[in-house]
Protein backbone atom coordinates (compact mmCIF):
# COMPACT_ATOMS: atom_id res chain seq x y z
CA UNK A 1 24.21 -5.52 -35.79
CA UNK A 2 24.42 -7.90 -32.86
CA UNK A 3 22.14 -7.66 -29.99
CA UNK A 4 24.92 -6.29 -27.82
CA UNK A 5 25.60 -3.54 -30.36
CA UNK A 6 21.95 -2.59 -30.48
CA UNK A 7 21.66 -2.48 -26.66
CA UNK A 8 24.89 -0.28 -26.56
CA UNK A 9 23.47 2.05 -29.41
CA UNK A 10 20.16 2.31 -27.43
CA UNK A 11 21.93 3.15 -24.25
CA UNK A 12 24.16 5.59 -25.75
CA UNK A 13 21.21 7.36 -27.62
CA UNK A 14 19.55 7.76 -24.12
CA UNK A 15 22.72 8.90 -22.51
CA UNK A 16 23.14 11.74 -25.21
CA UNK A 17 19.54 12.73 -25.27
CA UNK A 18 19.01 16.35 -23.99
CA UNK A 19 16.08 18.65 -23.45
CA UNK A 20 12.48 17.73 -23.93
CA UNK A 21 13.59 14.42 -25.78
CA UNK A 22 15.28 13.45 -22.54
CA UNK A 23 12.03 14.37 -20.51
CA UNK A 24 10.00 12.23 -22.92
CA UNK A 25 12.19 9.23 -22.44
CA UNK A 26 11.93 9.56 -18.76
CA UNK A 27 8.27 10.05 -18.81
CA UNK A 28 7.58 7.12 -21.01
CA UNK A 29 9.87 4.73 -19.00
CA UNK A 30 8.01 5.73 -15.86
CA UNK A 31 4.65 4.99 -17.26
CA UNK A 32 5.81 1.59 -18.51
CA UNK A 33 7.18 0.92 -15.01
CA UNK A 34 3.73 1.25 -13.60
CA UNK A 35 2.69 -2.02 -15.30
CA UNK A 36 4.82 -3.78 -12.60
CA UNK A 37 2.21 -3.03 -10.14
CA UNK A 38 -1.22 -4.94 -9.49
CA UNK A 39 -3.31 -5.88 -11.23
CA UNK A 40 -0.84 -6.30 -14.09
CA UNK A 41 2.19 -7.56 -12.21
CA UNK A 42 4.17 -7.25 -15.31
CA UNK A 43 7.43 -6.82 -13.36
CA UNK A 44 9.72 -8.06 -16.19
CA UNK A 45 9.09 -4.66 -18.01
CA UNK A 46 11.30 -3.16 -15.35
CA UNK A 47 14.30 -4.94 -16.93
CA UNK A 48 13.70 -2.57 -19.74
CA UNK A 49 12.75 0.66 -17.82
CA UNK A 50 15.15 0.71 -14.90
CA UNK A 51 18.42 0.47 -17.06
CA UNK A 52 16.96 3.67 -18.71
CA UNK A 53 16.99 5.11 -15.23
CA UNK A 54 20.83 4.35 -15.08
CA UNK A 55 21.45 5.79 -18.56
CA UNK A 56 19.62 9.01 -17.86
CA UNK A 57 21.72 9.52 -14.63
CA UNK A 58 24.79 8.57 -16.73
CA UNK A 59 23.93 11.26 -19.31
CA UNK A 60 23.23 13.83 -16.57
CA UNK A 61 27.00 14.13 -16.01
CA UNK A 62 27.32 16.47 -19.01
CA UNK A 63 25.17 19.24 -17.32
CA UNK A 64 26.02 21.84 -14.69
CA UNK A 65 26.77 21.25 -10.97
CA UNK A 66 28.06 17.73 -11.74
CA UNK A 67 24.75 16.91 -13.44
CA UNK A 68 22.71 16.89 -10.13
CA UNK A 69 19.97 19.28 -11.44
CA UNK A 70 19.86 17.40 -14.84
CA UNK A 71 19.49 14.10 -13.05
CA UNK A 72 16.65 15.58 -10.69
CA UNK A 73 14.86 16.82 -13.73
CA UNK A 74 14.90 13.46 -15.39
CA UNK A 75 13.77 11.78 -12.17
CA UNK A 76 10.82 14.21 -11.72
CA UNK A 77 9.74 13.31 -15.26
CA UNK A 78 10.15 9.54 -14.52
CA UNK A 79 8.15 9.88 -11.28
CA UNK A 80 5.35 11.82 -13.10
CA UNK A 81 5.10 9.03 -15.80
CA UNK A 82 5.12 6.46 -13.00
CA UNK A 83 2.32 7.90 -10.75
CA UNK A 84 -0.11 9.31 -13.19
CA UNK A 85 -1.24 6.07 -14.55
CA UNK A 86 -0.45 4.25 -11.09
CA UNK A 87 -2.72 6.66 -9.23
CA UNK A 88 -5.26 7.95 -11.72
CA UNK A 89 -8.01 6.09 -9.73
CA UNK A 90 -7.85 8.75 -7.04
CA UNK A 91 -9.83 10.98 -9.44
CA UNK A 92 -12.91 8.72 -9.19
CA UNK A 93 -13.23 10.01 -5.42
CA UNK A 94 -13.87 13.50 -6.86
CA UNK A 95 -16.63 12.33 -9.07
CA UNK A 96 -18.83 10.87 -6.08
CA UNK A 97 -19.99 14.44 -5.28
CA UNK A 98 -19.22 15.90 -8.88
CA UNK A 99 -21.09 19.03 -8.33
CA UNK A 100 -18.80 19.84 -5.48
CA UNK A 101 -15.39 18.31 -6.15
CA UNK A 102 -15.35 17.62 -9.91
CA UNK A 103 -13.32 20.76 -10.69
CA UNK A 104 -10.48 19.55 -8.57
CA UNK A 105 -9.99 16.36 -10.58
CA UNK A 106 -7.06 17.52 -12.65
CA UNK A 107 -5.39 18.71 -9.51
CA UNK A 108 -5.84 15.06 -8.02
CA UNK A 109 -4.82 13.29 -11.08
CA UNK A 110 -1.87 15.46 -11.95
CA UNK A 111 -1.03 17.38 -8.88
CA UNK A 112 -0.57 14.44 -6.54
CA UNK A 113 1.86 12.67 -8.97
CA UNK A 114 3.54 15.84 -9.57
CA UNK A 115 4.37 16.18 -5.70
CA UNK A 116 5.23 12.49 -5.36
CA UNK A 117 7.51 12.74 -8.30
CA UNK A 118 9.52 15.23 -6.17
CA UNK A 119 10.76 12.21 -4.24
CA UNK A 120 11.81 10.38 -7.38
CA UNK A 121 13.67 13.43 -8.42
CA UNK A 122 15.53 13.47 -5.02
CA UNK A 123 16.50 9.89 -5.64
CA UNK A 124 17.90 10.57 -9.06
CA UNK A 125 19.66 13.56 -7.65
CA UNK A 126 21.32 11.72 -4.85
CA UNK A 127 22.29 9.02 -7.16
CA UNK A 128 24.01 11.45 -9.21
CA UNK A 129 25.83 12.80 -6.20
CA UNK A 130 27.33 9.36 -5.31
CA UNK A 131 27.63 8.09 -9.03
CA UNK A 132 30.32 5.92 -10.09
CA UNK A 133 31.65 4.88 -13.62
CA UNK A 134 31.46 1.21 -13.14
CA UNK A 135 28.99 -1.52 -12.42
CA UNK A 136 28.65 -0.27 -8.76
CA UNK A 137 26.41 2.50 -10.08
CA UNK A 138 23.55 0.12 -10.05
CA UNK A 139 24.01 0.10 -6.28
CA UNK A 140 24.07 3.67 -6.16
CA UNK A 141 20.75 4.25 -7.81
CA UNK A 142 19.36 1.37 -5.68
CA UNK A 143 20.54 3.13 -2.51
CA UNK A 144 19.42 6.55 -3.74
CA UNK A 145 15.88 5.60 -5.01
CA UNK A 146 15.19 3.57 -1.96
CA UNK A 147 15.95 6.49 0.15
CA UNK A 148 13.60 8.68 -1.90
CA UNK A 149 10.87 6.12 -1.68
CA UNK A 150 11.49 5.89 2.14
CA UNK A 151 11.00 9.67 2.40
CA UNK A 152 7.80 9.35 0.26
CA UNK A 153 6.47 6.96 2.81
CA UNK A 154 7.11 9.36 5.66
CA UNK A 155 7.28 12.97 4.79
CA UNK A 156 3.97 14.87 5.50
CA UNK A 157 2.35 11.74 7.12
CA UNK A 158 3.64 9.66 4.15
CA UNK A 159 2.36 7.91 1.13
CA UNK A 160 4.06 4.68 0.17
CA UNK A 161 1.52 3.58 -2.21
CA UNK A 162 3.10 1.44 -5.16
CA UNK A 163 6.67 1.65 -3.76
CA UNK A 164 8.98 -0.13 -6.18
CA UNK A 165 9.45 -3.15 -3.84
CA UNK A 166 5.91 -4.23 -4.63
CA UNK A 167 7.08 -5.31 -8.02
CA UNK A 168 8.79 -8.31 -6.27
CA UNK A 169 5.53 -9.55 -4.43
CA UNK A 170 4.24 -11.51 -7.35
CA UNK A 171 4.78 -14.47 -7.66
CA UNK A 172 4.18 -15.07 -3.96
CA UNK A 173 7.47 -17.03 -3.55
CA UNK A 174 9.42 -13.81 -4.30
CA UNK A 175 7.24 -11.70 -1.73
CA UNK A 176 8.53 -14.05 1.08
CA UNK A 177 11.64 -12.15 1.29
CA UNK A 178 9.52 -9.36 2.77
CA UNK A 179 9.39 -11.52 6.03
CA UNK A 180 13.25 -10.79 6.39
CA UNK A 181 13.72 -7.08 5.00
CA UNK A 182 10.25 -5.58 4.51
CA UNK A 183 9.07 -3.20 1.86
CA UNK A 184 12.02 -0.95 1.89
CA UNK A 185 14.55 -3.90 1.53
CA UNK A 186 12.42 -5.22 -1.28
CA UNK A 187 12.68 -1.83 -2.92
CA UNK A 188 16.39 -1.90 -2.76
CA UNK A 189 16.65 -5.31 -4.33
CA UNK A 190 14.05 -4.43 -7.00
CA UNK A 191 15.95 -1.41 -8.17
CA UNK A 192 19.30 -3.14 -8.08
CA UNK A 193 18.05 -6.32 -9.79
CA UNK A 194 15.98 -4.63 -12.59
CA UNK A 195 18.64 -1.79 -13.21
CA UNK A 196 21.55 -4.36 -13.64
CA UNK A 197 21.24 -4.89 -17.47
CA UNK A 198 22.21 -1.18 -17.85
CA UNK A 199 25.97 -2.17 -17.33
CA UNK A 200 25.92 -4.46 -20.30
CA UNK A 201 26.71 -1.32 -22.54
CA UNK A 202 30.15 -0.80 -20.67
CA UNK A 203 32.06 -3.17 -22.66
CA UNK A 204 34.84 -5.43 -21.80
CA UNK A 205 37.62 -2.83 -21.72
CA UNK A 206 40.02 -2.16 -18.87
CA UNK A 207 39.17 -5.68 -17.31
CA UNK A 208 35.49 -4.83 -17.00
CA UNK A 209 33.10 -7.90 -16.96
CA UNK A 210 29.70 -6.36 -17.45
CA UNK A 211 27.98 -9.64 -17.35
CA UNK A 212 28.66 -9.92 -13.59
CA UNK A 213 26.03 -7.55 -12.55
CA UNK A 214 23.03 -8.98 -14.54
CA UNK A 215 24.23 -12.57 -13.56
CA UNK A 216 24.27 -11.57 -9.72
CA UNK A 217 20.87 -9.94 -10.24
CA UNK A 218 19.50 -13.17 -11.69
CA UNK A 219 21.06 -15.24 -9.17
CA UNK A 220 19.39 -13.02 -6.49
CA UNK A 221 15.98 -13.68 -7.96
CA UNK A 222 16.73 -17.35 -8.14
CA UNK A 223 17.74 -17.33 -4.26
CA UNK A 224 14.66 -15.19 -3.44
CA UNK A 225 12.39 -17.73 -5.33
CA UNK A 226 14.01 -20.76 -3.79
CA UNK A 227 13.81 -19.31 -0.24
CA UNK A 228 10.13 -18.30 -0.86
CA UNK A 229 9.28 -21.62 -2.30
CA UNK A 230 10.75 -23.32 0.56
CA UNK A 231 9.07 -21.00 3.16
CA UNK A 232 5.67 -21.77 1.49
CA UNK A 233 6.16 -25.42 1.88
CA UNK A 234 7.38 -25.29 5.39
CA UNK A 235 4.23 -23.28 6.45
CA UNK A 236 1.22 -24.77 4.67
CA UNK A 237 -2.24 -22.89 5.32
CA UNK A 238 -3.47 -23.75 8.80
CA UNK A 239 -6.70 -22.52 10.24
CA UNK A 240 -7.97 -21.78 13.82
CA UNK A 241 -11.52 -22.79 14.89
CA UNK A 242 -12.64 -19.21 14.60
CA UNK A 243 -15.19 -18.86 11.88
CA UNK A 244 -15.36 -15.61 9.92
CA UNK A 245 -18.11 -14.10 7.92
CA UNK A 246 -17.30 -10.90 5.97
CA UNK A 247 -20.14 -8.81 4.50
CA UNK A 248 -19.54 -6.80 1.31
CA UNK A 249 -22.58 -4.66 0.64
CA UNK A 250 -21.38 -2.98 -2.53
CA UNK A 251 -23.29 0.20 -1.70
CA UNK A 252 -23.11 3.41 -3.65
CA UNK A 253 -21.10 6.09 -2.01
CA UNK A 254 -23.96 8.60 -1.78
CA UNK A 255 -25.96 6.00 0.26
CA UNK A 256 -23.18 5.58 2.83
CA UNK A 257 -23.06 9.29 3.60
CA UNK A 258 -26.75 10.18 3.43
CA UNK A 259 -28.81 9.99 6.57
CA UNK A 260 -32.02 9.71 4.88
CA UNK A 261 -30.80 6.19 3.47
CA UNK A 262 -30.36 4.84 6.93
CA UNK A 263 -33.41 2.34 6.90
CA UNK A 264 -32.06 1.21 3.31
CA UNK A 265 -28.48 0.62 4.62
CA UNK A 266 -29.66 -1.19 7.61
CA UNK A 267 -32.02 -3.40 5.83
CA UNK A 268 -29.25 -4.35 3.42
CA UNK A 269 -26.72 -5.07 5.99
CA UNK A 270 -28.87 -7.18 8.11
CA UNK A 271 -30.34 -9.20 5.31
CA UNK A 272 -27.10 -9.70 3.52
CA UNK A 273 -25.18 -10.84 6.79
CA UNK A 274 -27.75 -13.55 7.36
CA UNK A 275 -27.69 -14.73 3.76
CA UNK A 276 -27.01 -18.48 3.33
CA UNK A 277 -23.59 -18.95 1.42
CA UNK A 278 -24.27 -22.68 0.52
CA UNK A 279 -26.80 -25.54 0.73
CA UNK A 280 -25.53 -26.29 4.42
CA UNK A 281 -25.36 -22.74 5.54
CA UNK A 282 -27.42 -21.34 8.27
CA UNK A 283 -26.37 -17.72 7.65
CA UNK A 284 -24.93 -15.71 10.48
CA UNK A 285 -25.42 -18.43 12.88
CA UNK A 286 -22.42 -20.20 11.25
CA UNK A 287 -19.87 -17.36 12.20
CA UNK A 288 -18.07 -16.54 15.39
CA UNK A 289 -16.99 -13.01 14.16
CA UNK A 290 -19.17 -11.07 11.62
CA UNK A 291 -17.20 -8.29 9.94
CA UNK A 292 -18.60 -5.17 8.23
CA UNK A 293 -16.47 -2.49 6.22
CA UNK A 294 -15.16 0.92 7.06
CA UNK A 295 -17.59 3.78 7.99
CA UNK A 296 -20.59 1.39 7.45
CA UNK A 297 -23.33 3.74 8.50
CA UNK A 298 -24.48 7.27 7.46
CA UNK A 299 -25.03 7.99 11.12
CA UNK A 300 -23.47 7.80 14.63
CA UNK A 301 -24.18 4.10 15.18
CA UNK A 302 -24.38 3.86 19.06
CA UNK A 303 -26.63 7.04 19.21
CA UNK A 304 -29.35 5.32 17.12
CA UNK A 305 -30.86 2.83 19.64
CA UNK A 306 -33.04 1.16 16.83
CA UNK A 307 -29.95 0.32 14.85
CA UNK A 308 -28.15 -1.22 17.87
CA UNK A 309 -31.40 -3.15 18.69
CA UNK A 310 -31.51 -4.49 15.16
CA UNK A 311 -27.86 -5.62 15.39
CA UNK A 312 -28.49 -7.37 18.79
CA UNK A 313 -31.46 -9.10 17.11
CA UNK A 314 -29.16 -10.23 14.24
CA UNK A 315 -26.44 -11.65 16.31
CA UNK A 316 -26.90 -15.00 17.84
CA UNK A 317 -25.32 -15.81 21.17
CA UNK A 318 -21.63 -16.46 20.71
CA UNK A 319 -21.21 -14.08 17.57
CA UNK A 320 -19.68 -10.71 17.73
CA UNK A 321 -19.80 -7.95 15.21
CA UNK A 322 -16.69 -6.04 14.07
CA UNK A 323 -17.69 -2.99 12.25
CA UNK A 324 -16.62 0.32 11.01
CA UNK A 325 -18.56 3.36 12.11
CA UNK A 326 -18.32 7.07 12.49
CA UNK A 327 -18.00 7.88 16.29
CA UNK A 328 -19.15 11.05 17.96
CA UNK A 329 -16.63 12.45 20.53
CA UNK A 330 -17.72 12.56 24.15
CA UNK A 331 -19.10 16.06 24.62
CA UNK A 332 -21.37 17.48 27.43
CA UNK A 333 -25.21 17.18 26.83
CA UNK A 334 -26.41 19.75 24.44
CA UNK A 335 -23.07 20.46 22.72
CA UNK A 336 -23.40 20.35 18.92
CA UNK A 337 -21.25 17.53 17.26
CA UNK A 338 -19.04 18.99 14.59
CA UNK A 339 -16.23 16.61 14.40
CA UNK A 340 -15.96 12.82 14.60
CA UNK A 341 -13.68 9.71 14.87
CA UNK A 342 -13.33 7.16 12.09
CA UNK A 343 -13.61 4.20 14.25
CA UNK A 344 -13.99 0.23 14.51
CA UNK A 345 -16.51 -1.11 17.23
CA UNK A 346 -16.62 -4.71 18.64
CA UNK A 347 -20.28 -5.29 19.50
CA UNK A 348 -21.58 -8.35 21.38
CA UNK A 349 -24.81 -10.41 20.62
CA UNK A 350 -26.77 -8.41 23.29
CA UNK A 351 -25.73 -4.86 21.67
CA UNK A 352 -23.08 -4.12 24.15
CA UNK A 353 -19.86 -2.33 22.79
CA UNK A 354 -16.86 -4.42 23.86
CA UNK A 355 -14.18 -2.53 22.28
CA UNK A 356 -13.35 0.72 20.25
CA UNK A 357 -10.54 1.72 18.00
CA UNK A 358 -10.18 5.11 16.53
CA UNK A 359 -8.19 5.68 13.34
CA UNK A 360 -4.76 7.13 13.90
CA UNK A 361 -3.50 7.73 10.42
CA UNK A 362 -5.95 9.87 8.67
CA UNK A 363 -6.24 10.47 4.88
CA UNK A 364 -5.10 14.15 3.83
CA UNK A 365 -7.80 15.79 1.91
CA UNK A 366 -9.94 12.84 2.21
CA UNK A 367 -10.49 13.08 6.13
CA UNK A 368 -8.98 16.12 7.00
CA UNK A 369 -7.25 19.31 5.18
CA UNK A 370 -3.76 20.50 5.90
CA UNK A 371 -4.21 23.81 7.77
CA UNK A 372 -7.83 22.92 8.33
CA UNK A 373 -9.15 26.19 9.74
CA UNK A 374 -7.34 28.44 7.10
CA UNK A 375 -8.54 26.21 4.06
CA UNK A 376 -12.01 26.05 5.32
CA UNK A 377 -12.15 29.87 5.52
CA UNK A 378 -11.16 29.71 1.76
CA UNK A 379 -14.06 27.64 1.15
CA UNK A 380 -12.30 24.28 0.89
CA UNK A 381 -13.72 21.07 2.36
CA UNK A 382 -12.37 17.45 2.42
CA UNK A 383 -14.11 14.71 0.52
CA UNK A 384 -16.08 13.38 3.57
CA UNK A 385 -17.41 17.03 4.22
CA UNK A 386 -16.82 16.67 8.02
CA UNK A 387 -16.52 20.36 9.16
CA UNK A 388 -13.25 20.63 10.94
CA UNK A 389 -12.05 17.26 9.77
CA UNK A 390 -12.06 13.92 11.35
CA UNK A 391 -10.27 13.55 14.77
CA UNK A 392 -7.28 11.35 14.97
CA UNK A 393 -6.97 8.52 17.47
CA UNK A 394 -4.51 8.74 20.38
CA UNK A 395 -2.95 5.23 20.25
CA UNK A 396 -2.71 1.97 18.37
CA UNK A 397 -4.04 -0.93 20.24
CA UNK A 398 -5.57 -4.34 19.88
CA UNK A 399 -9.16 -5.28 20.14
CA UNK A 400 -10.29 -7.98 22.50
CA UNK A 401 -12.70 -10.17 20.64
CA UNK A 402 -14.56 -12.86 22.49
CA UNK A 403 -13.76 -16.42 21.18
CA UNK A 404 -11.07 -15.20 18.91
CA UNK A 405 -7.39 -13.95 19.22
CA UNK A 406 -6.60 -10.36 19.98
CA UNK A 407 -6.90 -8.31 16.57
CA UNK A 408 -4.93 -5.47 15.32
CA UNK A 409 -7.27 -2.87 13.74
CA UNK A 410 -6.16 -1.25 10.61
CA UNK A 411 -8.74 1.33 8.94
CA UNK A 412 -8.36 1.71 5.14
CA UNK A 413 -4.92 2.95 4.14
CA UNK A 414 -3.45 2.46 7.53
CA UNK A 415 -2.47 -0.99 6.16
CA UNK A 416 -0.16 0.48 3.52
CA UNK A 417 2.49 1.65 6.21
CA UNK A 418 5.11 -1.21 6.77
CA UNK A 419 6.18 -1.54 10.47
CA UNK A 420 3.16 0.55 11.58
CA UNK A 421 1.57 -2.32 13.53
CA UNK A 422 3.44 -2.28 16.83
CA UNK A 423 1.22 -2.05 19.84
CA UNK A 424 2.12 -1.61 23.63
CA UNK A 425 -0.19 -4.54 24.44
CA UNK A 426 1.90 -7.33 22.74
CA UNK A 427 1.64 -9.22 19.51
CA UNK A 428 -1.84 -9.69 17.99
CA UNK A 429 -3.16 -12.98 16.58
CA UNK A 430 -4.51 -11.41 13.54
CA UNK A 431 -5.00 -8.10 11.53
CA UNK A 432 -8.47 -6.88 10.82
CA UNK A 433 -8.52 -4.38 7.90
CA UNK A 434 -11.82 -2.36 7.27
CA UNK A 435 -11.82 -0.26 4.16
CA UNK A 436 -14.05 1.62 1.76
CA UNK A 437 -12.50 1.35 -1.65
CA UNK A 438 -15.82 2.22 -3.05
CA UNK A 439 -14.45 5.76 -3.49
CA UNK A 440 -12.34 4.43 -6.56
CA UNK A 441 -14.92 2.50 -8.59
CA UNK A 442 -13.81 -0.41 -10.73
CA UNK A 443 -10.15 0.57 -11.14
CA UNK A 444 -6.73 -0.65 -10.34
CA UNK A 445 -6.78 1.05 -6.90
CA UNK A 446 -8.56 -1.78 -4.91
CA UNK A 447 -6.04 -4.34 -6.53
CA UNK A 448 -3.08 -2.36 -5.48
CA UNK A 449 -4.52 -1.88 -1.98
CA UNK A 450 -5.02 -5.63 -1.57
CA UNK A 451 -1.35 -6.22 -2.81
CA UNK A 452 -0.09 -4.06 -0.09
CA UNK A 453 -2.12 -5.46 2.63
CA UNK A 454 -0.92 -8.94 1.49
CA UNK A 455 2.74 -7.78 2.14
CA UNK A 456 1.87 -6.79 5.65
CA UNK A 457 0.73 -10.25 6.39
CA UNK A 458 4.07 -11.67 5.17
CA UNK A 459 6.00 -8.96 7.03
CA UNK A 460 4.44 -9.63 10.19
CA UNK A 461 3.54 -13.33 9.91
CA UNK A 462 -0.17 -12.65 10.76
CA UNK A 463 -3.29 -13.52 8.91
CA UNK A 464 -5.50 -10.62 7.68
CA UNK A 465 -9.29 -10.51 7.45
CA UNK A 466 -10.34 -7.67 5.16
CA UNK A 467 -13.84 -6.27 4.66
CA UNK A 468 -14.37 -3.82 1.94
CA UNK A 469 -17.44 -1.92 0.80
CA UNK A 470 -17.20 -2.82 -2.89
CA UNK A 471 -14.24 -5.08 -2.77
CA UNK A 472 -11.83 -6.61 -2.57
CA UNK A 473 -12.59 -8.44 0.56
CA UNK A 474 -10.32 -11.22 1.46
CA UNK A 475 -8.95 -13.59 4.18
CA UNK A 476 -5.23 -13.77 3.82
CA UNK A 477 -2.91 -16.31 5.56
CA UNK A 478 0.51 -15.17 7.19
CA UNK A 479 2.34 -16.23 4.06
CA UNK A 480 0.34 -13.97 1.77
CA UNK A 481 -1.97 -16.65 0.41
CA UNK A 482 -5.37 -15.31 -0.27
CA UNK A 483 -7.55 -18.39 1.11
CA UNK A 484 -11.03 -16.65 0.53
CA UNK A 485 -11.97 -13.66 -1.63
CA UNK A 486 -14.83 -11.71 -2.85
CA UNK A 487 -14.10 -9.77 -5.95
CA UNK A 488 -14.22 -5.97 -6.84
CA UNK A 489 -17.95 -4.64 -7.54
CA UNK A 490 -19.73 -7.82 -5.96
CA UNK A 491 -22.25 -7.93 -3.14
CA UNK A 492 -22.24 -11.14 -0.94
CA UNK A 493 -20.85 -12.64 2.02
CA UNK A 494 -17.46 -14.41 2.45
CA UNK A 495 -17.06 -17.28 4.95
CA UNK A 496 -13.69 -18.58 6.06
CA UNK A 497 -12.03 -19.90 9.15
CA UNK A 498 -9.37 -17.58 10.48
CA UNK A 499 -5.71 -18.72 9.38
CA UNK A 500 -3.38 -19.32 12.40
CA UNK A 501 -0.65 -16.99 12.99
CA UNK A 502 3.03 -17.96 12.70
CA UNK A 503 5.83 -17.02 15.15
CA UNK A 504 7.17 -13.46 14.60
CA UNK A 505 9.22 -13.07 11.42
CA UNK A 506 12.75 -11.44 11.33
CA UNK A 507 10.96 -8.33 10.14
CA UNK A 508 8.40 -8.53 12.97
CA UNK A 509 11.17 -8.54 15.47
CA UNK A 510 13.88 -6.28 13.80
CA UNK A 511 11.70 -3.88 11.79
CA UNK A 512 13.60 -1.95 9.20
CA UNK A 513 17.02 -2.69 10.63
CA UNK A 514 18.01 -5.51 8.28
CA UNK A 515 17.07 -3.29 5.24
CA UNK A 516 19.02 -0.40 6.74
CA UNK A 517 22.13 -2.67 7.14
CA UNK A 518 21.72 -3.57 3.40
CA UNK A 519 21.54 0.01 2.38
CA UNK A 520 24.49 1.15 4.51
CA UNK A 521 26.63 -1.79 3.32
CA UNK A 522 25.78 -0.97 -0.40
CA UNK A 523 26.46 2.74 0.16
CA UNK A 524 29.89 1.90 1.85
CA UNK A 525 30.77 -0.25 -1.11
CA UNK A 526 29.80 2.54 -3.60
CA UNK A 527 31.80 5.18 -1.72
CA UNK A 528 34.85 2.69 -1.62
CA UNK A 529 34.57 2.36 -5.42
CA UNK A 530 34.61 6.00 -5.79
CA UNK A 531 37.64 6.27 -3.56
CA UNK A 532 39.45 3.65 -5.57
CA UNK A 533 38.63 5.33 -8.93
CA UNK A 534 39.79 8.62 -7.67
CA UNK A 535 43.05 7.17 -6.43
CA UNK A 536 43.80 5.44 -9.55
């Protein structure tokens, strides 16, 4: 049997599969697809799994109601298979305080993927609604799955983690297309490119040329790589005079939320921040900007005079500290503090607070509970155990940092939302991302987080300085090059000059409009093909 016949036989077997066998095929295909994400970056596997998506939707046509429910069922199983291995690391957060939260571990590891899989099911169902019988069905599935992924990134505050477009961010040359069309455009291209081999089973009858779709897909990959390579050559790594020092303490989570560990935490931060990083290093005196990670202290920093005094003693004149901290709201004297902000402070060498940013996009179940009051009455609490939940900030704004360009602050997973960086006070010179990936241990989660932050740099044409509690701290240039990095689970300091920003990219100027034009054009083409087929 020739290779073409074997492929046709495999495709036909998947198309004709039904019941639990069909669900199992979708589940396995989804699980294998997760290997395309960091840290594995095995994106060629999608050339095997995304054709399965097309064949599953092909086979759904034998079901009721034009096969839409059957397609959705297959899509849900595919999504479950994709999200469970891709997001298993969320379960680590429920083991930090195991006596309180361990019982919720199965709900986190299976419940969240089951919910997110609903958006994949929607994509499969929408694809079936606009389905065609020729090679244009590859574009139908690309449009539909991109729509589902976009909804996943926006509904109920959104969670676009591991969107399919991230498969095209390694090697770095491929990722440069993100500067034109952003994550959602990359998602459309990823699905269309990797699903294209599915049409090879169509045969050459009735004038069909099934090789055209995969050939166009490969040509698109080559064009992306060529564009990216040229862009990387045209924009070599350039640096400003601003010297950064990022401190990665690698603290245990229980110490970060335990007030009794105050002295231990401060001693470690101060000692580590002033550690020499080489034979010619003079510690923190080498830095213009010292950066500490998210929620660095188990106390309200500005209400602890001794801690602020220690910071002032640490910082030489001309050096400022950018640090995460929990911030108490402004309340009348004597009023008990029950809620707080997750914030970033800019602190001068004399202990003066120069600027503050409060996190806007809070993490559901981590920093607040949906229907907070009602769920607290039932005995539930979020992972951070802040009664009433954290308070969301009111607006996104840049931070004024003496001796450095204005910085756009993004706390933790705020950096995973593409396009969510616009500020009313103009374009910043860099992005500072403070995070605490220590919740997730030594797992794939921090690598995926870094992958997504890197794409934000490419989309916006802005460098990123990233400080993480347990890793991965990094300095990233506006082309997505990681110019300095401190690995997962390590303690230390990272010294680097701040890379220079480049002029605003197409995506920075136009946002998701180019991606939307791409999707609408593909949808019009698919609908046109359906109309032609019906007319003939």
